[in-house]
N, C-alpha and C. Protein backbone atom coordinates (compact mmCIF):
# COMPACT_ATOMS: atom_id res chain seq x y z
N MET A 1 13.81 10.90 1.44
CA MET A 1 14.50 9.98 2.36
C MET A 1 13.46 9.25 3.20
N PRO A 2 13.53 7.91 3.34
CA PRO A 2 12.52 7.18 4.09
C PRO A 2 12.54 7.57 5.57
N ASN A 3 11.36 7.47 6.21
CA ASN A 3 11.29 7.73 7.63
C ASN A 3 12.00 6.62 8.39
N ASP A 4 12.49 6.95 9.59
CA ASP A 4 13.06 5.92 10.44
C ASP A 4 11.96 4.93 10.83
N PRO A 5 12.32 3.67 11.08
CA PRO A 5 11.31 2.70 11.51
C PRO A 5 10.67 3.14 12.82
N ILE A 6 9.40 2.83 12.97
CA ILE A 6 8.69 3.14 14.21
C ILE A 6 8.48 1.85 14.99
N PRO A 7 8.31 1.94 16.31
CA PRO A 7 8.09 0.73 17.11
C PRO A 7 6.77 0.05 16.76
N LEU A 8 6.76 -1.27 16.82
CA LEU A 8 5.53 -2.02 16.61
C LEU A 8 4.43 -1.56 17.56
N SER A 9 4.80 -1.22 18.78
CA SER A 9 3.80 -0.81 19.77
C SER A 9 3.06 0.45 19.35
N ALA A 10 3.69 1.27 18.48
CA ALA A 10 3.05 2.51 18.05
C ALA A 10 1.75 2.25 17.29
N LEU A 11 1.65 1.10 16.62
CA LEU A 11 0.43 0.78 15.88
C LEU A 11 -0.74 0.58 16.84
N GLN A 12 -0.48 -0.14 17.91
CA GLN A 12 -1.53 -0.34 18.91
C GLN A 12 -1.91 0.99 19.54
N HIS A 13 -0.91 1.79 19.88
CA HIS A 13 -1.19 3.10 20.48
C HIS A 13 -2.01 3.97 19.52
N TRP A 14 -1.66 3.97 18.23
CA TRP A 14 -2.35 4.82 17.25
C TRP A 14 -3.82 4.42 17.10
N LEU A 15 -4.06 3.12 17.00
CA LEU A 15 -5.43 2.67 16.80
C LEU A 15 -6.27 2.88 18.06
N PHE A 16 -5.65 2.76 19.22
CA PHE A 16 -6.34 3.04 20.48
C PHE A 16 -6.63 4.52 20.61
N CYS A 17 -5.62 5.37 20.33
CA CYS A 17 -5.79 6.82 20.44
C CYS A 17 -4.60 7.51 19.76
N PRO A 18 -4.81 8.21 18.63
CA PRO A 18 -3.71 8.89 17.95
C PRO A 18 -2.96 9.88 18.83
N ARG A 19 -3.68 10.55 19.71
CA ARG A 19 -3.00 11.51 20.60
C ARG A 19 -2.06 10.77 21.56
N GLN A 20 -2.54 9.65 22.13
CA GLN A 20 -1.69 8.87 23.02
C GLN A 20 -0.42 8.42 22.29
N CYS A 21 -0.59 7.96 21.06
CA CYS A 21 0.55 7.50 20.26
C CYS A 21 1.59 8.60 20.12
N CYS A 22 1.16 9.80 19.80
CA CYS A 22 2.12 10.89 19.57
C CYS A 22 2.70 11.43 20.87
N LEU A 23 1.93 11.41 21.95
CA LEU A 23 2.50 11.80 23.24
C LEU A 23 3.63 10.87 23.63
N ILE A 24 3.47 9.57 23.33
CA ILE A 24 4.49 8.59 23.67
C ILE A 24 5.67 8.65 22.71
N HIS A 25 5.39 8.65 21.41
CA HIS A 25 6.46 8.46 20.42
C HIS A 25 7.00 9.76 19.84
N VAL A 26 6.31 10.89 20.05
CA VAL A 26 6.82 12.20 19.62
C VAL A 26 7.30 12.99 20.84
N GLU A 27 6.41 13.14 21.84
CA GLU A 27 6.76 13.92 23.03
C GLU A 27 7.57 13.12 24.05
N ARG A 28 7.64 11.79 23.87
CA ARG A 28 8.39 10.90 24.78
C ARG A 28 7.85 10.94 26.20
N LEU A 29 6.53 11.01 26.32
CA LEU A 29 5.89 10.99 27.63
C LEU A 29 5.47 9.57 27.98
N TRP A 30 5.61 9.21 29.23
CA TRP A 30 5.15 7.91 29.70
C TRP A 30 4.91 7.96 31.19
N GLU A 31 3.81 7.41 31.63
CA GLU A 31 3.48 7.29 33.05
C GLU A 31 2.96 5.89 33.30
N GLU A 32 3.29 5.33 34.45
CA GLU A 32 2.77 4.02 34.82
C GLU A 32 1.46 4.18 35.59
N ASN A 33 0.56 3.24 35.40
CA ASN A 33 -0.60 3.11 36.27
C ASN A 33 -0.81 1.62 36.53
N ARG A 34 -1.91 1.26 37.18
CA ARG A 34 -2.13 -0.14 37.54
C ARG A 34 -2.15 -1.02 36.30
N PHE A 35 -2.77 -0.53 35.23
CA PHE A 35 -2.91 -1.33 34.03
C PHE A 35 -1.56 -1.58 33.34
N THR A 36 -0.72 -0.53 33.25
CA THR A 36 0.58 -0.72 32.62
C THR A 36 1.49 -1.58 33.48
N ALA A 37 1.38 -1.44 34.82
CA ALA A 37 2.19 -2.26 35.71
C ALA A 37 1.82 -3.74 35.59
N GLU A 38 0.51 -4.01 35.48
CA GLU A 38 0.07 -5.40 35.30
C GLU A 38 0.59 -5.96 33.98
N GLY A 39 0.60 -5.13 32.96
CA GLY A 39 1.13 -5.56 31.67
C GLY A 39 2.62 -5.87 31.74
N GLN A 40 3.37 -5.06 32.48
CA GLN A 40 4.80 -5.30 32.63
C GLN A 40 5.05 -6.63 33.33
N LEU A 41 4.27 -6.93 34.38
CA LEU A 41 4.43 -8.20 35.09
C LEU A 41 4.13 -9.38 34.17
N LEU A 42 3.10 -9.24 33.35
CA LEU A 42 2.73 -10.33 32.44
C LEU A 42 3.83 -10.60 31.43
N HIS A 43 4.58 -9.55 31.05
CA HIS A 43 5.61 -9.68 30.01
C HIS A 43 6.97 -10.10 30.56
N GLU A 44 7.13 -10.17 31.87
CA GLU A 44 8.46 -10.36 32.44
C GLU A 44 9.17 -11.58 31.85
N ARG A 45 8.50 -12.72 31.79
CA ARG A 45 9.14 -13.93 31.27
C ARG A 45 9.35 -13.83 29.77
N ALA A 46 8.34 -13.30 29.07
CA ALA A 46 8.43 -13.22 27.61
C ALA A 46 9.51 -12.25 27.15
N ASP A 47 9.91 -11.30 28.02
CA ASP A 47 10.90 -10.30 27.63
C ASP A 47 12.34 -10.79 27.77
N ILE A 48 12.54 -12.01 28.28
CA ILE A 48 13.87 -12.57 28.43
C ILE A 48 14.18 -13.45 27.21
N PRO A 49 15.16 -13.06 26.38
CA PRO A 49 15.45 -13.86 25.19
C PRO A 49 15.77 -15.32 25.55
N ALA A 50 15.17 -16.25 24.83
CA ALA A 50 15.38 -17.66 25.10
C ALA A 50 14.89 -18.48 23.92
N SER A 51 15.37 -19.72 23.83
CA SER A 51 14.93 -20.65 22.80
C SER A 51 14.82 -22.03 23.43
N THR A 52 13.65 -22.65 23.29
CA THR A 52 13.45 -24.00 23.79
C THR A 52 12.77 -24.82 22.70
N THR A 53 12.95 -26.14 22.76
CA THR A 53 12.36 -27.02 21.77
C THR A 53 11.64 -28.16 22.47
N ARG A 54 10.42 -28.41 22.01
CA ARG A 54 9.65 -29.54 22.52
C ARG A 54 8.95 -30.20 21.34
N GLY A 55 9.33 -31.43 21.07
CA GLY A 55 8.78 -32.10 19.89
C GLY A 55 9.21 -31.38 18.63
N ASN A 56 8.22 -31.06 17.78
CA ASN A 56 8.54 -30.36 16.53
C ASN A 56 8.29 -28.86 16.63
N VAL A 57 8.16 -28.37 17.89
CA VAL A 57 7.89 -26.94 18.10
C VAL A 57 9.07 -26.29 18.82
N GLN A 58 9.68 -25.30 18.17
CA GLN A 58 10.72 -24.50 18.80
C GLN A 58 10.10 -23.19 19.25
N THR A 59 10.33 -22.78 20.50
CA THR A 59 9.75 -21.56 21.06
C THR A 59 10.84 -20.52 21.25
N LEU A 60 10.66 -19.36 20.61
CA LEU A 60 11.60 -18.25 20.72
C LEU A 60 10.94 -17.13 21.51
N ARG A 61 11.64 -16.59 22.47
CA ARG A 61 11.13 -15.49 23.29
C ARG A 61 11.93 -14.21 23.01
N ALA A 62 11.22 -13.07 23.05
CA ALA A 62 11.85 -11.76 22.83
C ALA A 62 12.63 -11.73 21.51
N LEU A 63 11.99 -12.20 20.44
CA LEU A 63 12.64 -12.26 19.14
C LEU A 63 12.60 -10.89 18.46
N PRO A 64 13.76 -10.31 18.09
CA PRO A 64 13.76 -9.02 17.37
C PRO A 64 13.05 -9.15 16.02
N LEU A 65 12.27 -8.12 15.69
CA LEU A 65 11.49 -8.11 14.45
C LEU A 65 11.76 -6.83 13.68
N ARG A 66 11.56 -6.92 12.36
CA ARG A 66 11.71 -5.73 11.51
C ARG A 66 10.97 -5.95 10.20
N SER A 67 10.34 -4.89 9.72
CA SER A 67 9.74 -4.89 8.38
C SER A 67 10.23 -3.65 7.66
N ASP A 68 11.02 -3.84 6.61
CA ASP A 68 11.48 -2.70 5.82
C ASP A 68 10.33 -2.13 5.00
N ARG A 69 9.41 -2.98 4.58
CA ARG A 69 8.30 -2.52 3.74
C ARG A 69 7.38 -1.57 4.50
N LEU A 70 7.07 -1.91 5.76
CA LEU A 70 6.17 -1.07 6.55
C LEU A 70 6.92 -0.10 7.46
N GLY A 71 8.24 -0.22 7.54
CA GLY A 71 9.01 0.68 8.40
C GLY A 71 8.74 0.43 9.87
N LEU A 72 8.83 -0.84 10.30
CA LEU A 72 8.52 -1.21 11.68
C LEU A 72 9.70 -1.94 12.30
N THR A 73 9.83 -1.79 13.61
CA THR A 73 10.85 -2.53 14.35
C THR A 73 10.32 -2.82 15.75
N GLY A 74 10.84 -3.86 16.36
CA GLY A 74 10.39 -4.22 17.70
C GLY A 74 10.79 -5.64 18.03
N LYS A 75 9.98 -6.29 18.85
CA LYS A 75 10.24 -7.69 19.17
C LYS A 75 8.93 -8.39 19.47
N ALA A 76 8.95 -9.69 19.26
CA ALA A 76 7.79 -10.53 19.55
C ALA A 76 7.93 -11.12 20.94
N ASP A 77 6.84 -11.15 21.69
CA ASP A 77 6.88 -11.81 23.00
C ASP A 77 7.31 -13.26 22.83
N VAL A 78 6.57 -13.99 22.00
CA VAL A 78 6.85 -15.41 21.76
C VAL A 78 6.58 -15.72 20.30
N VAL A 79 7.46 -16.47 19.67
CA VAL A 79 7.22 -17.02 18.34
C VAL A 79 7.44 -18.52 18.41
N GLU A 80 6.41 -19.28 18.10
CA GLU A 80 6.55 -20.72 18.00
C GLU A 80 6.85 -21.08 16.55
N LEU A 81 7.84 -21.93 16.36
CA LEU A 81 8.16 -22.42 15.02
C LEU A 81 7.64 -23.85 14.91
N HIS A 82 6.58 -24.02 14.15
CA HIS A 82 5.98 -25.33 13.93
C HIS A 82 6.56 -25.89 12.63
N ASP A 83 7.46 -26.84 12.77
CA ASP A 83 8.18 -27.35 11.59
C ASP A 83 8.82 -26.21 10.80
N GLY A 84 9.32 -25.20 11.54
CA GLY A 84 10.01 -24.08 10.93
C GLY A 84 9.14 -22.92 10.52
N LEU A 85 7.80 -23.06 10.63
CA LEU A 85 6.89 -21.98 10.23
C LEU A 85 6.49 -21.15 11.45
N PRO A 86 6.61 -19.81 11.37
CA PRO A 86 6.39 -18.96 12.54
C PRO A 86 4.91 -18.84 12.92
N PHE A 87 4.67 -18.78 14.24
CA PHE A 87 3.34 -18.56 14.81
C PHE A 87 3.54 -17.59 15.98
N PRO A 88 3.27 -16.28 15.77
CA PRO A 88 3.52 -15.28 16.83
C PRO A 88 2.44 -15.31 17.91
N ILE A 89 2.88 -15.06 19.15
CA ILE A 89 1.97 -15.00 20.29
C ILE A 89 2.30 -13.73 21.08
N GLU A 90 1.30 -12.90 21.29
CA GLU A 90 1.46 -11.65 22.02
C GLU A 90 0.73 -11.75 23.35
N TYR A 91 1.40 -11.35 24.43
CA TYR A 91 0.81 -11.38 25.77
C TYR A 91 0.17 -10.04 26.09
N LYS A 92 -1.07 -10.09 26.58
CA LYS A 92 -1.81 -8.89 26.94
C LYS A 92 -2.48 -9.07 28.29
N ARG A 93 -2.52 -8.00 29.07
CA ARG A 93 -3.26 -8.05 30.32
C ARG A 93 -4.75 -7.94 30.00
N GLY A 94 -5.60 -8.21 30.96
CA GLY A 94 -7.03 -8.01 30.78
C GLY A 94 -7.68 -9.08 29.93
N ARG A 95 -8.66 -8.63 29.15
CA ARG A 95 -9.48 -9.53 28.33
C ARG A 95 -9.47 -9.06 26.88
N PRO A 96 -10.00 -9.89 25.97
CA PRO A 96 -10.15 -9.44 24.58
C PRO A 96 -10.95 -8.13 24.51
N LYS A 97 -10.57 -7.25 23.60
CA LYS A 97 -11.13 -5.90 23.54
C LYS A 97 -12.08 -5.74 22.35
N ARG A 98 -12.89 -4.69 22.42
CA ARG A 98 -13.83 -4.42 21.33
C ARG A 98 -13.11 -3.87 20.10
N HIS A 99 -12.08 -3.07 20.32
CA HIS A 99 -11.33 -2.53 19.18
C HIS A 99 -10.29 -3.56 18.72
N ARG A 100 -9.60 -3.26 17.62
CA ARG A 100 -8.70 -4.24 16.99
C ARG A 100 -7.22 -3.89 17.19
N ALA A 101 -6.92 -3.05 18.19
CA ALA A 101 -5.53 -2.61 18.36
C ALA A 101 -4.59 -3.78 18.65
N ASP A 102 -5.01 -4.71 19.50
CA ASP A 102 -4.14 -5.86 19.80
C ASP A 102 -3.93 -6.73 18.56
N GLU A 103 -4.99 -6.92 17.79
CA GLU A 103 -4.89 -7.75 16.58
C GLU A 103 -3.98 -7.08 15.54
N VAL A 104 -4.05 -5.77 15.44
CA VAL A 104 -3.19 -5.05 14.49
C VAL A 104 -1.72 -5.20 14.88
N GLN A 105 -1.42 -5.06 16.18
CA GLN A 105 -0.04 -5.22 16.62
C GLN A 105 0.47 -6.63 16.31
N LEU A 106 -0.38 -7.64 16.53
CA LEU A 106 0.01 -9.02 16.25
C LEU A 106 0.18 -9.24 14.75
N CYS A 107 -0.71 -8.69 13.95
CA CYS A 107 -0.61 -8.83 12.49
C CYS A 107 0.66 -8.16 11.98
N ALA A 108 1.04 -7.04 12.56
CA ALA A 108 2.29 -6.39 12.17
C ALA A 108 3.48 -7.29 12.46
N GLN A 109 3.44 -8.01 13.58
CA GLN A 109 4.50 -8.96 13.88
C GLN A 109 4.55 -10.05 12.81
N ALA A 110 3.38 -10.52 12.39
CA ALA A 110 3.32 -11.56 11.35
C ALA A 110 3.94 -11.06 10.05
N ILE A 111 3.66 -9.82 9.69
CA ILE A 111 4.23 -9.26 8.46
C ILE A 111 5.75 -9.18 8.57
N CYS A 112 6.25 -8.79 9.74
CA CYS A 112 7.70 -8.79 9.96
C CYS A 112 8.27 -10.19 9.79
N LEU A 113 7.61 -11.18 10.40
CA LEU A 113 8.09 -12.56 10.32
C LEU A 113 8.08 -13.09 8.89
N GLU A 114 7.07 -12.69 8.11
CA GLU A 114 7.01 -13.13 6.71
C GLU A 114 8.22 -12.62 5.93
N GLU A 115 8.61 -11.37 6.19
CA GLU A 115 9.79 -10.83 5.52
C GLU A 115 11.06 -11.53 5.99
N MET A 116 11.13 -11.82 7.30
CA MET A 116 12.35 -12.38 7.87
C MET A 116 12.53 -13.86 7.50
N PHE A 117 11.44 -14.62 7.45
CA PHE A 117 11.52 -16.06 7.20
C PHE A 117 11.19 -16.42 5.76
N SER A 118 10.73 -15.43 4.98
CA SER A 118 10.32 -15.69 3.58
C SER A 118 9.31 -16.84 3.55
N ALA A 119 8.34 -16.77 4.45
CA ALA A 119 7.33 -17.82 4.56
C ALA A 119 6.02 -17.18 4.99
N PRO A 120 4.89 -17.72 4.57
CA PRO A 120 3.60 -17.17 4.97
C PRO A 120 3.34 -17.39 6.46
N VAL A 121 2.68 -16.39 7.07
CA VAL A 121 2.27 -16.49 8.49
C VAL A 121 0.77 -16.19 8.53
N PRO A 122 -0.07 -17.20 8.39
CA PRO A 122 -1.51 -16.97 8.29
C PRO A 122 -2.22 -16.79 9.63
N HIS A 123 -1.59 -17.24 10.72
CA HIS A 123 -2.27 -17.20 12.02
C HIS A 123 -1.29 -16.84 13.13
N GLY A 124 -1.86 -16.37 14.23
CA GLY A 124 -1.11 -16.11 15.46
C GLY A 124 -2.09 -16.18 16.61
N ALA A 125 -1.65 -15.73 17.79
CA ALA A 125 -2.54 -15.81 18.96
C ALA A 125 -2.26 -14.68 19.93
N LEU A 126 -3.31 -14.24 20.62
CA LEU A 126 -3.21 -13.29 21.73
C LEU A 126 -3.50 -14.05 23.02
N PHE A 127 -2.61 -13.90 23.99
CA PHE A 127 -2.80 -14.55 25.29
C PHE A 127 -3.16 -13.47 26.31
N TYR A 128 -4.37 -13.57 26.88
CA TYR A 128 -4.86 -12.55 27.82
C TYR A 128 -4.72 -13.02 29.26
N GLY A 129 -4.19 -12.11 30.10
CA GLY A 129 -3.91 -12.45 31.48
C GLY A 129 -5.13 -12.79 32.31
N LYS A 130 -6.27 -12.16 32.01
CA LYS A 130 -7.49 -12.43 32.80
C LYS A 130 -8.09 -13.78 32.46
N THR A 131 -8.14 -14.12 31.22
CA THR A 131 -8.77 -15.38 30.81
C THR A 131 -7.79 -16.54 30.85
N ARG A 132 -6.48 -16.22 30.81
CA ARG A 132 -5.43 -17.25 30.78
C ARG A 132 -5.63 -18.20 29.60
N ARG A 133 -6.11 -17.66 28.51
CA ARG A 133 -6.35 -18.46 27.31
C ARG A 133 -5.80 -17.74 26.09
N ARG A 134 -5.47 -18.54 25.09
CA ARG A 134 -5.09 -17.97 23.80
C ARG A 134 -6.34 -17.69 22.97
N LYS A 135 -6.30 -16.57 22.27
CA LYS A 135 -7.32 -16.26 21.28
C LYS A 135 -6.63 -16.28 19.92
N GLU A 136 -6.95 -17.27 19.10
CA GLU A 136 -6.29 -17.36 17.79
C GLU A 136 -6.79 -16.26 16.87
N VAL A 137 -5.87 -15.69 16.11
CA VAL A 137 -6.17 -14.59 15.20
C VAL A 137 -5.77 -15.00 13.79
N SER A 138 -6.70 -14.84 12.84
CA SER A 138 -6.43 -15.12 11.44
C SER A 138 -6.04 -13.81 10.75
N PHE A 139 -4.92 -13.81 10.08
CA PHE A 139 -4.44 -12.60 9.40
C PHE A 139 -5.03 -12.53 7.99
N ASP A 140 -6.32 -12.20 7.94
CA ASP A 140 -7.01 -12.13 6.66
C ASP A 140 -6.74 -10.79 5.99
N ASP A 141 -7.28 -10.61 4.79
CA ASP A 141 -7.02 -9.38 4.02
C ASP A 141 -7.51 -8.14 4.76
N THR A 142 -8.66 -8.25 5.43
CA THR A 142 -9.21 -7.09 6.14
C THR A 142 -8.24 -6.62 7.23
N LEU A 143 -7.73 -7.56 8.03
CA LEU A 143 -6.80 -7.20 9.10
C LEU A 143 -5.47 -6.71 8.54
N ARG A 144 -4.99 -7.34 7.48
CA ARG A 144 -3.73 -6.90 6.88
C ARG A 144 -3.84 -5.49 6.31
N ASN A 145 -4.96 -5.20 5.64
CA ASN A 145 -5.15 -3.85 5.09
C ASN A 145 -5.23 -2.80 6.20
N LEU A 146 -5.93 -3.14 7.28
CA LEU A 146 -6.02 -2.22 8.42
C LEU A 146 -4.64 -2.00 9.02
N THR A 147 -3.86 -3.05 9.16
CA THR A 147 -2.53 -2.94 9.74
C THR A 147 -1.63 -2.05 8.88
N GLU A 148 -1.68 -2.22 7.58
CA GLU A 148 -0.86 -1.39 6.70
C GLU A 148 -1.30 0.08 6.75
N GLN A 149 -2.62 0.30 6.82
CA GLN A 149 -3.13 1.67 6.92
C GLN A 149 -2.67 2.34 8.21
N VAL A 150 -2.79 1.62 9.32
CA VAL A 150 -2.38 2.17 10.62
C VAL A 150 -0.89 2.44 10.64
N ALA A 151 -0.09 1.53 10.05
CA ALA A 151 1.36 1.74 10.00
C ALA A 151 1.71 3.01 9.22
N GLN A 152 1.04 3.24 8.11
CA GLN A 152 1.30 4.43 7.31
C GLN A 152 0.89 5.69 8.05
N GLU A 153 -0.30 5.67 8.68
CA GLU A 153 -0.78 6.85 9.40
C GLU A 153 0.10 7.18 10.60
N ALA A 154 0.45 6.16 11.38
CA ALA A 154 1.27 6.40 12.57
C ALA A 154 2.67 6.87 12.18
N SER A 155 3.24 6.26 11.15
CA SER A 155 4.58 6.66 10.71
C SER A 155 4.59 8.11 10.23
N ALA A 156 3.57 8.50 9.47
CA ALA A 156 3.50 9.87 8.96
C ALA A 156 3.35 10.88 10.10
N ALA A 157 2.51 10.55 11.08
CA ALA A 157 2.28 11.47 12.21
C ALA A 157 3.53 11.61 13.06
N ILE A 158 4.21 10.50 13.32
CA ILE A 158 5.43 10.56 14.13
C ILE A 158 6.53 11.32 13.40
N ALA A 159 6.65 11.09 12.09
CA ALA A 159 7.66 11.80 11.30
C ALA A 159 7.37 13.30 11.27
N ALA A 160 6.09 13.67 11.24
CA ALA A 160 5.71 15.09 11.21
C ALA A 160 5.93 15.76 12.55
N GLY A 161 5.97 14.96 13.62
CA GLY A 161 6.18 15.52 14.96
C GLY A 161 4.99 16.28 15.51
N SER A 162 3.80 15.98 14.98
CA SER A 162 2.60 16.69 15.44
C SER A 162 1.83 15.83 16.44
N VAL A 163 1.11 16.49 17.33
CA VAL A 163 0.29 15.79 18.33
C VAL A 163 -1.17 16.18 18.11
N PRO A 164 -2.04 15.23 17.80
CA PRO A 164 -3.46 15.55 17.56
C PRO A 164 -4.11 16.18 18.79
N SER A 165 -5.16 16.93 18.55
CA SER A 165 -5.92 17.53 19.64
C SER A 165 -6.66 16.43 20.41
N PRO A 166 -6.91 16.66 21.70
CA PRO A 166 -7.57 15.63 22.51
C PRO A 166 -9.06 15.53 22.21
N VAL A 167 -9.57 14.32 22.32
CA VAL A 167 -11.00 14.06 22.25
C VAL A 167 -11.32 13.16 23.44
N TYR A 168 -12.09 13.66 24.39
CA TYR A 168 -12.33 12.90 25.62
C TYR A 168 -13.35 11.79 25.39
N ASP A 169 -12.96 10.57 25.77
CA ASP A 169 -13.84 9.42 25.75
C ASP A 169 -13.64 8.71 27.09
N LYS A 170 -14.67 8.66 27.91
CA LYS A 170 -14.53 8.19 29.29
C LYS A 170 -13.93 6.78 29.36
N ARG A 171 -14.46 5.83 28.58
CA ARG A 171 -14.00 4.45 28.68
C ARG A 171 -12.53 4.32 28.29
N ARG A 172 -12.12 5.09 27.30
CA ARG A 172 -10.74 5.02 26.84
C ARG A 172 -9.82 5.85 27.71
N CYS A 173 -10.20 7.09 27.95
CA CYS A 173 -9.29 8.04 28.61
C CYS A 173 -9.07 7.72 30.09
N ASP A 174 -10.11 7.31 30.80
CA ASP A 174 -9.97 7.12 32.24
C ASP A 174 -9.06 5.95 32.60
N SER A 175 -8.80 5.04 31.65
CA SER A 175 -7.88 3.93 31.91
C SER A 175 -6.48 4.21 31.40
N CYS A 176 -6.26 5.36 30.76
CA CYS A 176 -4.98 5.67 30.14
C CYS A 176 -4.01 6.22 31.19
N SER A 177 -2.77 5.73 31.18
CA SER A 177 -1.78 6.19 32.15
C SER A 177 -1.36 7.64 31.88
N LEU A 178 -1.65 8.16 30.68
CA LEU A 178 -1.28 9.53 30.34
C LEU A 178 -2.41 10.53 30.55
N LEU A 179 -3.43 10.13 31.31
CA LEU A 179 -4.59 10.99 31.50
C LEU A 179 -4.21 12.38 32.01
N GLU A 180 -3.36 12.44 33.03
CA GLU A 180 -3.00 13.74 33.61
C GLU A 180 -2.15 14.56 32.65
N ALA A 181 -1.25 13.92 31.93
CA ALA A 181 -0.40 14.65 30.98
C ALA A 181 -1.20 15.12 29.77
N CYS A 182 -2.18 14.31 29.35
CA CYS A 182 -2.97 14.62 28.16
C CYS A 182 -4.03 15.69 28.44
N ARG A 183 -4.68 15.61 29.61
CA ARG A 183 -5.73 16.53 30.03
C ARG A 183 -6.84 16.66 29.00
N PRO A 184 -7.43 15.55 28.57
CA PRO A 184 -8.42 15.62 27.49
C PRO A 184 -9.69 16.38 27.87
N ARG A 185 -10.13 16.24 29.12
CA ARG A 185 -11.36 16.95 29.50
C ARG A 185 -11.18 18.45 29.46
N GLN A 186 -10.01 18.93 29.93
CA GLN A 186 -9.77 20.37 29.95
C GLN A 186 -9.48 20.92 28.56
N LEU A 187 -8.64 20.22 27.79
CA LEU A 187 -8.19 20.76 26.51
C LEU A 187 -9.17 20.54 25.38
N ALA A 188 -10.05 19.53 25.52
CA ALA A 188 -11.03 19.30 24.46
C ALA A 188 -12.08 20.40 24.40
N ASN A 189 -12.35 21.02 25.55
CA ASN A 189 -13.34 22.11 25.62
C ASN A 189 -12.74 23.29 26.38
N PRO A 190 -11.75 23.96 25.78
CA PRO A 190 -11.13 25.09 26.48
C PRO A 190 -12.09 26.26 26.59
N PRO A 191 -11.93 27.09 27.63
CA PRO A 191 -12.80 28.26 27.76
C PRO A 191 -12.52 29.26 26.64
N PRO A 192 -13.52 30.03 26.23
CA PRO A 192 -13.30 31.03 25.18
C PRO A 192 -12.18 31.99 25.57
N ILE A 193 -11.39 32.42 24.58
CA ILE A 193 -10.25 33.28 24.85
C ILE A 193 -10.69 34.61 25.47
N GLU A 194 -11.91 35.06 25.09
CA GLU A 194 -12.38 36.32 25.66
C GLU A 194 -12.55 36.21 27.17
N ASN A 195 -13.08 35.08 27.63
CA ASN A 195 -13.24 34.88 29.07
C ASN A 195 -11.89 34.84 29.77
N TRP A 196 -10.91 34.18 29.14
CA TRP A 196 -9.58 34.09 29.74
C TRP A 196 -8.96 35.48 29.85
N LEU A 197 -9.08 36.28 28.78
CA LEU A 197 -8.51 37.63 28.81
C LEU A 197 -9.18 38.49 29.86
N SER A 198 -10.50 38.35 29.98
CA SER A 198 -11.22 39.13 30.98
C SER A 198 -10.74 38.80 32.38
N ARG A 199 -10.51 37.51 32.64
CA ARG A 199 -10.04 37.11 33.97
C ARG A 199 -8.63 37.64 34.23
N GLN A 200 -7.78 37.61 33.18
CA GLN A 200 -6.43 38.12 33.36
C GLN A 200 -6.44 39.62 33.67
N ILE A 201 -7.29 40.38 32.96
CA ILE A 201 -7.38 41.83 33.19
C ILE A 201 -7.91 42.11 34.58
N ALA A 202 -8.95 41.37 34.98
CA ALA A 202 -9.53 41.57 36.31
C ALA A 202 -8.51 41.24 37.40
N ASP A 203 -7.74 40.18 37.21
CA ASP A 203 -6.71 39.83 38.21
C ASP A 203 -5.65 40.90 38.29
N ALA A 204 -5.26 41.44 37.12
CA ALA A 204 -4.23 42.49 37.10
C ALA A 204 -4.74 43.76 37.81
N GLU A 205 -6.02 44.10 37.61
CA GLU A 205 -6.59 45.29 38.26
C GLU A 205 -6.65 45.11 39.77
N ARG A 206 -7.00 43.89 40.21
CA ARG A 206 -7.05 43.65 41.67
C ARG A 206 -5.66 43.75 42.29
N ARG A 207 -4.65 43.22 41.58
CA ARG A 207 -3.29 43.29 42.12
C ARG A 207 -2.77 44.73 42.10
N GLY A 208 -3.26 45.52 41.10
CA GLY A 208 -2.78 46.90 41.01
C GLY A 208 -3.43 47.80 42.01
């Protein structure tokens, strides 16, 4: 039996950190921090469904998306239809990143749009809140293959209901809103069980 569709956002979470992805989509954990709050503010307008037309460009906001082939569901912040051909735009806080998580999420939207419109979607754009500029993204074979791989890995992990062990990375972990729930520094290097047992025995003897 096929797995249930997973959210488009899970691909970005998986590529950023598999443990974060499973804490969110398996354990249903979520915490806000400054970064997530800024992202919510940036998305406020894009999250309101709407359709406007200017010249030969129709702009759709909060468009529902689905890919049966990759098992994905979600919505696009903005899709521009240029003479009827889709051009997805994803809003992100901050600046362009070193990893490809944002590009993978956008490429997944393009794949959904290709299935829905039966038309090729070769390009899209990421709009970053800090730069206030669009960064055009080409959906080449390398990005498409990475997107399909991430979709398969994330879907399998979520279906299995397993949560990967933590691996602490300062640049990634310290900005994550789930830092306290994840506890990567503590759990990545737990004390030896012998030491824990010794402390428990010593505490029991003192109380006795």
